[in-house]
Amino acid sequence: MTRPYAVSPEARVALATLLLELQDSLDEPWTLESMAARAGYDASHFARAFQTVVGQPPLRWLRTLRLERAAHDLVFAAGKDLQAIGLEAGYASHEAFRRAFVRAFGVPPTAMRRRPRGVRGAAPRVSASVASRPEGLAAAPEIVRFGPLTARATVVAARFDDAAIAEAWRRLYTLDLPAAAWELAAASPPWGFTLPGRPREYRCIRLGFTGRVPPGFVPWRMQAGWFARFRYEGAMAGIHGLMRWIFRDWLPGSALRWRFAPVVTLFDPAVWQASRFERSRCQVHVPVQRLGG
């Protein structure tokens, strides 16, 4: 009988931290040796520990992550070319990409784009947490079933900086003002929060809008799934620090990883307006699943 390979708590945190970095830098030319060096272990020990914790060898897991990102782009980046998505996933031909995608998800890429599949299964469970929390975070996060969401009116910021995001919100505010809390939202892919300066989409969303949608606004939808919900009230500038804490500090100690679905933040616009946009009350929803799958 083969004895299970022992992995210390410190090694598990090191592996979880590496997994977040892998997810955030999928276009880098990772090798088994470079992954092991980043985690601080020799290649042999690293490969056995990785297999024990994650359930797959490191390079196969990397291919899985790239396919998950491709699935995210198929669903949430409707204008992105199918061949470009396959190339970014590491496949030189469309047929090779299609075969790998079917093995991973049970449907071809075109079917995923037409009919997104929601995440099923039991709720992920947090096995540990970081003791310190950012100022303004109301309590420990909850693991909740969140979605589906649909919106007729959304605006994507031209780039990820304060000026472009402010312009996108200004355009969204040309519609009727929201009637209640949580009718305004923002969505962006989870990658980019641990490596500062990386570009990522920022989508401003008006939920519940039933009026006539003017030109220049685009619809959006998101399937239901499991999310970690963080409740925050404080300075607007503190939201960036909260996101960094979630991805850099909280996730490695949680026995979870993020799924390739949007991070969705719901806002209470009354707090914005009362504070002249200096403060915010929001709920940050981070898509999560257990570390091994």
Protein backbone atom coordinates (compact mmCIF):
# COMPACT_ATOMS: atom_id res chain seq x y z
CA MET A 1 0.00 0.00 0.00
CA THR A 2 1.41 3.39 -1.04
CA ARG A 3 1.64 5.91 1.76
CA PRO A 4 0.17 9.36 0.98
CA TYR A 5 2.76 12.06 0.40
CA ALA A 6 2.89 14.38 3.42
CA VAL A 7 2.53 18.09 2.69
CA SER A 8 3.06 20.54 5.54
CA PRO A 9 0.68 23.48 6.14
CA GLU A 10 3.46 25.86 5.07
CA ALA A 11 3.93 23.98 1.80
CA ARG A 12 0.18 24.07 1.14
CA VAL A 13 0.15 27.86 1.52
CA ALA A 14 3.18 28.14 -0.78
CA LEU A 15 1.41 26.02 -3.40
CA ALA A 16 -1.82 28.00 -3.08
CA THR A 17 0.11 31.25 -3.52
CA LEU A 18 1.81 29.83 -6.63
CA LEU A 19 -1.56 28.75 -8.04
CA LEU A 20 -2.85 32.29 -7.78
CA GLU A 21 0.26 33.55 -9.58
CA LEU A 22 -0.19 30.92 -12.31
CA GLN A 23 -3.78 32.00 -12.80
CA ASP A 24 -2.65 35.61 -13.03
CA SER A 25 0.18 35.01 -15.53
CA LEU A 26 -0.98 32.24 -17.85
CA ASP A 27 0.89 33.65 -20.84
CA GLU A 28 4.26 33.21 -19.15
CA PRO A 29 6.41 30.24 -20.39
CA TRP A 30 6.09 28.23 -17.17
CA THR A 31 8.04 24.99 -16.80
CA LEU A 32 8.09 22.42 -14.00
CA GLU A 33 11.45 23.83 -12.88
CA SER A 34 10.32 27.46 -12.89
CA MET A 35 7.17 26.60 -10.91
CA ALA A 36 9.21 24.65 -8.37
CA ALA A 37 11.72 27.48 -8.00
CA ARG A 38 8.93 30.02 -7.46
CA ALA A 39 7.40 27.82 -4.74
CA GLY A 40 10.84 27.33 -3.14
CA TYR A 41 11.22 23.57 -3.63
CA ASP A 42 13.23 21.21 -5.81
CA ALA A 43 11.36 19.89 -8.84
CA SER A 44 10.85 16.34 -7.53
CA HIS A 45 9.45 17.39 -4.15
CA PHE A 46 7.35 20.11 -5.78
CA ALA A 47 5.77 17.73 -8.32
CA ARG A 48 4.76 15.22 -5.62
CA ALA A 49 3.41 17.91 -3.29
CA PHE A 50 1.50 19.56 -6.15
CA GLN A 51 -0.09 16.24 -7.16
CA THR A 52 -1.16 15.62 -3.55
CA VAL A 53 -2.73 19.04 -3.00
CA VAL A 54 -4.19 19.77 -6.44
CA GLY A 55 -4.87 16.29 -7.78
CA GLN A 56 -3.09 16.83 -11.12
CA PRO A 57 0.54 17.17 -12.23
CA PRO A 58 1.69 20.80 -12.52
CA LEU A 59 1.89 21.09 -16.31
CA ARG A 60 -1.48 19.39 -16.81
CA TRP A 61 -2.97 21.81 -14.28
CA LEU A 62 -1.50 24.72 -16.21
CA ARG A 63 -3.25 23.47 -19.36
CA THR A 64 -6.47 23.21 -17.34
CA LEU A 65 -6.15 26.82 -16.20
CA ARG A 66 -5.60 28.04 -19.75
CA LEU A 67 -8.70 26.17 -20.91
CA GLU A 68 -10.70 27.67 -18.03
CA ARG A 69 -9.61 31.13 -19.11
CA ALA A 70 -10.68 30.27 -22.66
CA ALA A 71 -14.11 29.24 -21.33
CA HIS A 72 -14.38 32.58 -19.50
CA ASP A 73 -13.52 34.50 -22.68
CA LEU A 74 -16.03 32.52 -24.74
CA VAL A 75 -18.81 33.48 -22.34
CA PHE A 76 -17.89 37.02 -21.31
CA ALA A 77 -15.83 38.36 -24.25
CA ALA A 78 -18.37 37.95 -27.01
CA GLY A 79 -16.37 39.98 -29.54
CA LYS A 80 -13.16 37.99 -29.11
CA ASP A 81 -12.16 35.80 -32.05
CA LEU A 82 -12.42 32.04 -31.46
CA GLN A 83 -9.03 31.37 -33.04
CA ALA A 84 -7.37 34.00 -30.84
CA ILE A 85 -8.88 32.38 -27.74
CA GLY A 86 -7.48 29.00 -28.82
CA LEU A 87 -4.03 30.45 -29.46
CA GLU A 88 -3.96 32.09 -26.03
CA ALA A 89 -4.85 28.71 -24.53
CA GLY A 90 -1.75 27.25 -26.21
CA TYR A 91 -3.25 25.47 -29.22
CA ALA A 92 -1.89 26.18 -32.70
CA SER A 93 -4.92 24.79 -34.55
CA HIS A 94 -8.63 25.19 -33.99
CA GLU A 95 -9.15 21.41 -34.14
CA ALA A 96 -6.61 20.77 -31.37
CA PHE A 97 -8.27 23.46 -29.25
CA ARG A 98 -11.74 22.03 -29.90
CA ARG A 99 -10.69 18.49 -28.89
CA ALA A 100 -9.02 19.67 -25.69
CA PHE A 101 -11.99 21.88 -24.82
CA VAL A 102 -14.48 19.03 -25.30
CA ARG A 103 -12.38 16.77 -23.05
CA ALA A 104 -12.35 19.46 -20.35
CA PHE A 105 -15.97 20.70 -20.50
CA GLY A 106 -17.98 18.14 -22.46
CA VAL A 107 -19.05 20.64 -25.13
CA PRO A 108 -17.21 22.34 -28.03
CA PRO A 109 -16.19 26.01 -27.74
CA THR A 110 -19.00 27.21 -30.00
CA ALA A 111 -21.61 25.55 -27.77
CA MET A 112 -20.08 27.15 -24.65
CA ARG A 113 -20.35 30.56 -26.33
CA ARG A 114 -24.03 29.99 -27.21
CA ARG A 115 -25.15 28.29 -23.99
CA PRO A 116 -22.91 28.94 -20.97
CA ARG A 117 -22.89 26.17 -18.37
CA GLY A 118 -23.31 27.08 -14.73
CA VAL A 119 -21.21 25.69 -11.90
CA ARG A 120 -22.84 22.86 -9.98
CA GLY A 121 -21.90 20.88 -6.91
CA ALA A 122 -21.64 21.41 -3.18
CA ALA A 123 -20.64 24.71 -1.64
CA PRO A 124 -16.87 25.21 -1.24
CA ARG A 125 -15.80 25.24 2.40
CA VAL A 126 -13.23 27.59 3.85
CA SER A 127 -10.78 25.62 5.98
CA ALA A 128 -8.69 28.55 7.21
CA SER A 129 -8.66 32.34 7.11
CA VAL A 130 -6.31 35.26 7.55
CA ALA A 131 -6.68 36.82 10.99
CA SER A 132 -6.14 40.46 9.99
CA ARG A 133 -8.68 42.12 7.74
CA PRO A 134 -8.63 45.47 5.91
CA GLU A 135 -10.32 48.40 7.56
CA GLY A 136 -13.91 48.67 6.40
CA LEU A 137 -14.47 44.95 5.89
CA ALA A 138 -17.63 44.25 7.87
CA ALA A 139 -17.08 40.58 8.76
CA ALA A 140 -15.61 37.31 7.58
CA PRO A 141 -16.74 36.41 4.06
CA GLU A 142 -19.72 34.18 3.40
CA ILE A 143 -19.74 31.41 0.79
CA VAL A 144 -22.97 31.99 -1.12
CA ARG A 145 -24.75 30.84 -4.24
CA PHE A 146 -24.91 34.00 -6.36
CA GLY A 147 -26.61 34.69 -9.70
CA PRO A 148 -27.70 34.34 -12.37
CA LEU A 149 -27.46 38.00 -13.36
CA THR A 150 -28.62 39.68 -16.53
CA ALA A 151 -28.39 43.31 -17.56
CA ARG A 152 -29.60 45.12 -20.64
CA ALA A 153 -27.37 48.15 -20.12
CA THR A 154 -23.64 47.87 -19.46
CA VAL A 155 -20.61 49.96 -20.44
CA VAL A 156 -17.02 48.68 -20.65
CA ALA A 157 -14.28 51.12 -19.67
CA ALA A 158 -11.87 51.78 -22.53
CA ARG A 159 -8.93 50.91 -20.24
CA PHE A 160 -8.35 50.15 -16.58
CA ASP A 161 -7.60 53.52 -15.05
CA ASP A 162 -9.55 56.02 -12.96
CA ALA A 163 -10.37 58.37 -15.84
CA ALA A 164 -11.73 55.66 -18.16
CA ILE A 165 -13.73 54.03 -15.37
CA ALA A 166 -15.21 57.39 -14.33
CA GLU A 167 -16.25 58.04 -17.95
CA ALA A 168 -17.95 54.61 -18.14
CA TRP A 169 -19.89 55.36 -14.93
CA ARG A 170 -20.85 58.79 -16.28
CA ARG A 171 -22.32 57.16 -19.38
CA LEU A 172 -24.25 54.66 -17.27
CA TYR A 173 -25.61 57.52 -15.14
CA THR A 174 -27.20 59.10 -18.23
CA LEU A 175 -29.91 56.46 -17.80
CA ASP A 176 -32.55 56.88 -15.10
CA LEU A 177 -30.98 56.96 -11.65
CA PRO A 178 -31.13 53.60 -9.83
CA ALA A 179 -34.13 53.26 -7.55
CA ALA A 180 -32.51 51.15 -4.82
CA ALA A 181 -29.27 49.76 -3.44
CA TRP A 182 -27.43 47.06 -5.40
CA GLU A 183 -28.81 48.13 -8.80
CA LEU A 184 -25.36 49.30 -9.87
CA ALA A 185 -22.57 46.77 -10.26
CA ALA A 186 -19.10 46.33 -11.68
CA ALA A 187 -17.60 43.16 -13.15
CA SER A 188 -14.07 42.28 -14.14
CA PRO A 189 -12.08 39.07 -14.63
CA PRO A 190 -10.30 37.98 -11.45
CA TRP A 191 -6.81 37.97 -12.98
CA GLY A 192 -4.80 41.13 -12.48
CA PHE A 193 -5.44 41.76 -8.80
CA THR A 194 -2.21 40.20 -7.53
CA LEU A 195 0.09 41.70 -10.16
CA PRO A 196 -0.34 45.51 -10.16
CA GLY A 197 -0.65 47.29 -13.48
CA ARG A 198 -1.91 44.39 -15.56
CA PRO A 199 -4.77 45.45 -17.87
CA ARG A 200 -8.17 43.93 -17.26
CA GLU A 201 -11.72 44.71 -18.29
CA TYR A 202 -13.93 46.80 -16.04
CA ARG A 203 -17.63 46.64 -16.88
CA CYS A 204 -20.16 49.06 -15.33
CA ILE A 205 -23.58 47.44 -15.03
CA ARG A 206 -27.10 48.69 -14.43
CA LEU A 207 -29.22 45.86 -13.04
CA GLY A 208 -33.00 45.94 -13.28
CA PHE A 209 -33.15 48.59 -16.00
CA THR A 210 -36.31 48.06 -18.07
CA GLY A 211 -36.41 51.22 -20.16
CA ARG A 212 -35.28 51.75 -23.71
CA VAL A 213 -31.55 51.14 -24.01
CA PRO A 214 -29.81 53.84 -26.06
CA PRO A 215 -27.05 53.02 -28.58
CA GLY A 216 -23.63 52.34 -27.11
CA PHE A 217 -24.82 50.10 -24.26
CA VAL A 218 -24.36 46.33 -24.41
CA PRO A 219 -26.19 43.45 -22.69
CA TRP A 220 -24.46 41.09 -20.26
CA ARG A 221 -25.26 37.88 -18.41
CA MET A 222 -23.63 35.67 -15.81
CA GLN A 223 -24.50 32.14 -14.75
CA ALA A 224 -25.06 31.22 -11.12
CA GLY A 225 -22.14 29.86 -9.13
CA TRP A 226 -20.42 29.78 -5.75
CA PHE A 227 -18.89 33.07 -4.59
CA ALA A 228 -17.13 34.40 -1.52
CA ARG A 229 -19.03 37.55 -0.51
CA PHE A 230 -17.12 40.38 1.22
CA ARG A 231 -19.10 43.31 2.68
CA TYR A 232 -17.23 46.61 2.73
CA GLU A 233 -18.03 50.16 3.78
CA GLY A 234 -15.33 52.82 3.75
CA ALA A 235 -13.27 55.06 1.53
CA MET A 236 -13.57 54.51 -2.22
CA ALA A 237 -9.79 54.23 -2.45
CA GLY A 238 -9.87 51.35 0.03
CA ILE A 239 -11.60 49.03 -2.46
CA HIS A 240 -8.33 48.53 -4.36
CA GLY A 241 -6.60 47.50 -1.13
CA LEU A 242 -9.47 45.14 -0.31
CA MET A 243 -9.11 43.41 -3.69
CA ARG A 244 -5.37 42.98 -3.23
CA TRP A 245 -5.94 41.53 0.26
CA ILE A 246 -8.54 39.07 -1.02
CA PHE A 247 -6.33 37.69 -3.78
CA ARG A 248 -2.90 38.03 -2.20
CA ASP A 249 -3.66 37.19 1.46
CA TRP A 250 -7.10 35.64 1.97
CA LEU A 251 -7.26 33.12 -0.86
CA PRO A 252 -3.92 31.37 -0.16
CA GLY A 253 -5.06 30.60 3.38
CA SER A 254 -8.62 29.63 2.48
CA ALA A 255 -8.08 26.25 0.72
CA LEU A 256 -9.98 27.80 -2.21
CA ARG A 257 -8.99 29.20 -5.56
CA TRP A 258 -10.84 31.59 -7.81
CA ARG A 259 -12.88 30.31 -10.73
CA PHE A 260 -12.70 31.88 -14.17
CA ALA A 261 -15.89 33.90 -13.78
CA PRO A 262 -16.26 37.64 -13.16
CA VAL A 263 -15.62 39.29 -9.84
CA VAL A 264 -18.92 41.15 -9.32
CA THR A 265 -19.22 44.12 -6.97
CA LEU A 266 -22.66 45.47 -6.04
CA PHE A 267 -22.84 49.11 -4.93
CA ASP A 268 -25.21 51.25 -2.89
CA PRO A 269 -25.28 54.52 -4.90
CA ALA A 270 -26.90 56.42 -2.00
CA VAL A 271 -23.61 56.25 -0.08
CA TRP A 272 -21.73 57.52 -3.14
CA GLN A 273 -24.02 60.48 -3.57
CA ALA A 274 -24.22 61.40 0.11
CA SER A 275 -20.41 61.45 0.38
CA ARG A 276 -19.75 63.12 -3.01
CA PHE A 277 -18.23 59.83 -4.17
CA GLU A 278 -15.67 59.71 -1.35
CA ARG A 279 -17.13 56.61 0.36
CA SER A 280 -18.67 53.36 -0.78
CA ARG A 281 -20.83 50.58 0.56
CA CYS A 282 -20.45 47.48 -1.54
CA GLN A 283 -20.56 43.69 -1.69
CA VAL A 284 -17.64 42.07 -3.49
CA HIS A 285 -18.40 38.62 -4.93
CA VAL A 286 -15.32 36.53 -5.80
CA PRO A 287 -15.99 33.31 -7.75
CA VAL A 288 -14.41 30.40 -5.87
CA GLN A 289 -14.03 26.65 -5.88
CA ARG A 290 -12.02 24.23 -3.78
CA LEU A 291 -8.32 24.05 -4.44
CA GLY A 292 -8.33 20.57 -5.93
CA GLY A 293 -11.03 21.13 -8.52
